[in-house]
Amino acid sequence: MSKQKLIEQKLEQALLDGRWKLFERLPSERVLAEEFSVNRTTLRAALSALAGRGILETIHGSGTRVRALPAGHPSQCDLEDRLNASLLLIPSIMHACSLVIKPSQIISLERILPAVGTALRNGDIKTFVQTQVQFFMEAARFIGNSSVNTALAACLPEGKSLMRLYSSCDLHDSETLFAHMARILSAMRHADAQEAASAAQAYFSSLQKLAEKK
């Protein structure tokens, strides 16, 4: 096993052990490299790999933060299971978010949605997946309940599974998903909790149909 892969596993285990919580910033690369006894190049490669899976997010000048928690047993939590869980939980989470979200928080979601659209137009599947996951995680964060964030991270489909799914769907399917996200955001602007829940249900129902076709 390469050093990079070993560091990835150690970082994932630290997340599963609760060392860092959702949206918490990780220590600096220097500190982590010293802790794991590797050079910063190897550490940076491991962080990038986890970012590519949607677990971490690195922002230039701001460091790396936790964006989603890894699944403890991926083989026991496949795409179908996660989509079923998402259909049960996420419409309710979006309903609750619509009741408490503030105008300044809506602005942060409005910044994410265009990135989803740009990735769609450019055929950038990786960014298309990552920004959609970010949208739902960011919306749930505004409820202000860490248990809700943890539940959402546990049921959202894993990034690689979504990338495989999107690579097999056509432009119309992707545009439909984007339209459902736009409906969610519009509903939140108008504090229409029922519409936000309905749009979220439509979004994950569409994903479920794509998975069934695949």
Protein backbone atom coordinates (compact mmCIF):
# COMPACT_ATOMS: atom_id res chain seq x y z
CA MET A 1 0.00 0.00 0.00
CA SER A 2 1.33 3.44 -0.92
CA LYS A 3 2.01 6.08 1.71
CA GLN A 4 -0.69 8.27 0.22
CA LYS A 5 -3.32 5.54 0.53
CA LEU A 6 -2.25 4.84 4.09
CA ILE A 7 -2.66 8.51 5.02
CA GLU A 8 -6.10 8.56 3.37
CA GLN A 9 -7.16 5.63 5.53
CA LYS A 10 -5.76 7.22 8.68
CA LEU A 11 -7.60 10.48 7.96
CA GLU A 12 -10.85 8.62 7.27
CA GLN A 13 -10.52 6.67 10.49
CA ALA A 14 -9.89 9.88 12.42
CA LEU A 15 -13.12 11.28 10.95
CA LEU A 16 -15.05 8.12 11.85
CA ASP A 17 -13.63 8.30 15.38
CA GLY A 18 -15.03 11.82 15.71
CA ARG A 19 -11.72 13.67 15.88
CA TRP A 20 -13.07 16.32 13.50
CA LYS A 21 -16.74 17.11 13.08
CA LEU A 22 -18.67 18.25 10.01
CA PHE A 23 -17.53 21.65 8.71
CA GLU A 24 -14.65 21.72 11.21
CA ARG A 25 -11.30 22.90 9.88
CA LEU A 26 -8.43 20.43 9.93
CA PRO A 27 -4.99 21.35 11.31
CA SER A 28 -2.50 22.84 8.87
CA GLU A 29 -0.71 20.65 6.34
CA ARG A 30 2.52 21.12 8.27
CA VAL A 31 0.99 19.88 11.51
CA LEU A 32 -0.68 16.89 9.85
CA ALA A 33 2.46 15.96 7.90
CA GLU A 34 4.48 15.93 11.13
CA GLU A 35 1.81 13.89 12.92
CA PHE A 36 1.68 11.22 10.21
CA SER A 37 5.43 11.34 9.55
CA VAL A 38 5.14 12.05 5.82
CA ASN A 39 6.20 14.90 3.58
CA ARG A 40 3.69 17.58 2.69
CA THR A 41 3.48 16.44 -0.92
CA THR A 42 2.19 13.02 0.15
CA LEU A 43 -0.19 14.55 2.66
CA ARG A 44 -1.51 17.02 0.09
CA ALA A 45 -2.16 14.16 -2.34
CA ALA A 46 -4.14 12.30 0.33
CA LEU A 47 -6.17 15.41 1.15
CA SER A 48 -6.87 15.97 -2.55
CA ALA A 49 -8.04 12.37 -2.94
CA LEU A 50 -10.49 12.78 -0.05
CA ALA A 51 -11.63 16.10 -1.50
CA GLY A 52 -12.28 14.35 -4.79
CA ARG A 53 -14.60 11.96 -2.96
CA GLY A 54 -16.50 14.86 -1.41
CA ILE A 55 -15.26 14.16 2.14
CA LEU A 56 -12.97 17.18 2.48
CA GLU A 57 -12.93 20.63 0.91
CA THR A 58 -9.78 22.68 0.47
CA ILE A 59 -10.10 26.41 -0.12
CA HIS A 60 -6.99 28.38 -1.03
CA GLY A 61 -6.03 30.61 1.86
CA SER A 62 -8.61 29.07 4.20
CA GLY A 63 -7.32 25.54 4.71
CA THR A 64 -9.20 22.24 4.61
CA ARG A 65 -12.50 21.49 6.29
CA VAL A 66 -14.72 18.45 6.70
CA ARG A 67 -17.49 18.42 4.15
CA ALA A 68 -18.97 14.94 4.69
CA LEU A 69 -18.23 11.96 6.88
CA PRO A 70 -16.97 8.79 5.22
CA ALA A 71 -19.10 5.65 5.38
CA GLY A 72 -17.80 3.19 7.93
CA HIS A 73 -18.75 0.17 5.82
CA PRO A 74 -19.19 1.19 2.20
CA SER A 75 -20.02 -2.34 1.06
CA GLN A 76 -23.01 -2.36 3.40
CA CYS A 77 -24.28 1.03 2.31
CA ASP A 78 -24.66 1.00 -1.47
CA LEU A 79 -26.18 3.61 -3.74
CA GLU A 80 -29.67 2.12 -3.54
CA ASP A 81 -29.63 2.16 0.27
CA ARG A 82 -28.43 5.75 0.38
CA LEU A 83 -31.02 6.94 -2.12
CA ASN A 84 -33.78 5.25 -0.13
CA ALA A 85 -32.48 6.91 3.04
CA SER A 86 -32.23 10.26 1.26
CA LEU A 87 -35.86 10.04 0.15
CA LEU A 88 -36.91 9.41 3.74
CA LEU A 89 -34.80 12.09 5.39
CA ILE A 90 -33.79 14.92 3.09
CA PRO A 91 -37.25 16.27 2.13
CA SER A 92 -37.93 16.73 5.85
CA ILE A 93 -34.54 18.40 6.34
CA MET A 94 -35.20 20.82 3.47
CA HIS A 95 -38.67 21.48 4.94
CA ALA A 96 -37.12 22.39 8.29
CA CYS A 97 -34.40 24.49 6.67
CA SER A 98 -36.99 26.58 4.79
CA LEU A 99 -38.58 27.57 8.09
CA VAL A 100 -35.39 28.88 9.72
CA ILE A 101 -33.07 29.99 6.90
CA LYS A 102 -32.05 33.67 6.88
CA PRO A 103 -31.60 35.92 3.82
CA SER A 104 -27.82 35.97 4.28
CA GLN A 105 -27.80 32.17 4.30
CA ILE A 106 -29.89 31.98 1.15
CA ILE A 107 -27.22 34.08 -0.55
CA SER A 108 -24.64 31.38 0.17
CA LEU A 109 -26.86 28.80 -1.55
CA GLU A 110 -27.37 31.18 -4.47
CA ARG A 111 -23.61 31.16 -4.95
CA ILE A 112 -23.50 27.38 -5.13
CA LEU A 113 -26.30 26.83 -7.64
CA PRO A 114 -24.61 28.70 -10.54
CA ALA A 115 -21.54 26.51 -10.00
CA VAL A 116 -23.76 23.47 -10.49
CA GLY A 117 -25.09 24.96 -13.73
CA THR A 118 -21.64 25.88 -15.00
CA ALA A 119 -20.36 22.35 -14.34
CA LEU A 120 -23.38 20.97 -16.19
CA ARG A 121 -22.72 23.16 -19.25
CA ASN A 122 -19.03 22.26 -19.26
CA GLY A 123 -19.63 18.53 -18.85
CA ASP A 124 -17.58 18.59 -15.64
CA ILE A 125 -19.15 15.61 -13.86
CA LYS A 126 -16.85 15.78 -10.84
CA THR A 127 -17.70 19.40 -10.05
CA PHE A 128 -21.35 18.78 -10.91
CA VAL A 129 -21.47 16.08 -8.22
CA GLN A 130 -19.44 17.96 -5.62
CA THR A 131 -21.46 21.17 -5.86
CA GLN A 132 -24.76 19.32 -5.55
CA VAL A 133 -23.57 17.56 -2.39
CA GLN A 134 -22.30 20.90 -1.10
CA PHE A 135 -25.72 22.48 -1.73
CA PHE A 136 -27.56 19.99 0.47
CA MET A 137 -24.89 19.95 3.19
CA GLU A 138 -24.82 23.76 3.31
CA ALA A 139 -28.62 24.00 3.51
CA ALA A 140 -28.81 21.49 6.36
CA ARG A 141 -26.10 23.34 8.28
CA PHE A 142 -28.39 26.34 8.67
CA ILE A 143 -30.73 24.32 10.88
CA GLY A 144 -27.98 24.47 13.50
CA ASN A 145 -28.20 20.85 14.65
CA SER A 146 -25.09 18.69 14.36
CA SER A 147 -27.15 15.48 14.50
CA VAL A 148 -29.05 16.59 11.39
CA ASN A 149 -25.75 17.29 9.61
CA THR A 150 -24.43 13.86 10.56
CA ALA A 151 -27.61 12.13 9.40
CA LEU A 152 -27.49 13.95 6.08
CA ALA A 153 -23.83 13.10 5.50
CA ALA A 154 -24.56 9.46 6.25
CA CYS A 155 -27.42 9.14 3.76
CA LEU A 156 -26.21 11.29 0.84
CA PRO A 157 -24.85 9.07 -1.96
CA GLU A 158 -21.07 8.81 -2.01
CA GLY A 159 -19.32 10.94 -4.61
CA LYS A 160 -17.84 8.13 -6.71
CA SER A 161 -21.20 6.37 -6.95
CA LEU A 162 -22.84 9.57 -8.13
CA MET A 163 -20.11 10.19 -10.69
CA ARG A 164 -20.64 6.72 -12.15
CA LEU A 165 -24.38 7.35 -12.22
CA TYR A 166 -24.10 10.75 -13.91
CA SER A 167 -21.63 9.46 -16.49
CA SER A 168 -24.36 7.14 -17.75
CA CYS A 169 -27.20 9.69 -17.91
CA ASP A 170 -28.00 12.13 -20.70
CA LEU A 171 -28.15 15.93 -20.64
CA HIS A 172 -31.92 15.97 -20.14
CA ASP A 173 -31.61 13.93 -16.94
CA SER A 174 -28.92 16.25 -15.57
CA GLU A 175 -30.96 19.32 -16.46
CA THR A 176 -33.96 17.82 -14.66
CA LEU A 177 -31.92 17.39 -11.48
CA PHE A 178 -30.65 20.96 -11.75
CA ALA A 179 -34.24 22.19 -12.17
CA HIS A 180 -35.27 20.40 -8.97
CA MET A 181 -32.42 22.11 -7.09
CA ALA A 182 -33.54 25.48 -8.45
CA ARG A 183 -37.05 24.69 -7.15
CA ILE A 184 -35.65 23.96 -3.70
CA LEU A 185 -33.79 27.28 -3.63
CA SER A 186 -36.82 29.20 -4.90
CA ALA A 187 -38.99 27.61 -2.22
CA MET A 188 -36.51 28.62 0.47
CA ARG A 189 -36.51 32.21 -0.79
CA HIS A 190 -40.28 32.27 -0.25
CA ALA A 191 -40.21 30.27 3.01
CA ASP A 192 -42.38 27.65 1.29
CA ALA A 193 -41.42 24.61 3.32
CA GLN A 194 -43.86 22.26 1.60
CA GLU A 195 -42.55 23.14 -1.85
CA ALA A 196 -38.93 22.74 -0.69
CA ALA A 197 -39.74 19.25 0.61
CA SER A 198 -41.59 18.37 -2.59
CA ALA A 199 -38.72 19.54 -4.79
CA ALA A 200 -36.19 17.59 -2.70
CA GLN A 201 -38.34 14.48 -3.01
CA ALA A 202 -38.53 14.97 -6.78
CA TYR A 203 -34.73 15.37 -6.93
CA PHE A 204 -33.98 12.11 -5.13
CA SER A 205 -36.80 10.27 -6.90
CA SER A 206 -35.15 11.27 -10.19
CA LEU A 207 -31.80 9.97 -8.94
CA GLN A 208 -33.47 6.74 -7.87
CA LYS A 209 -35.01 6.25 -11.34
CA LEU A 210 -31.62 6.85 -12.95
CA ALA A 211 -30.05 4.25 -10.67
CA GLU A 212 -32.78 1.75 -11.52
CA LYS A 213 -32.26 2.29 -15.26
CA LYS A 214 -28.53 1.76 -14.83
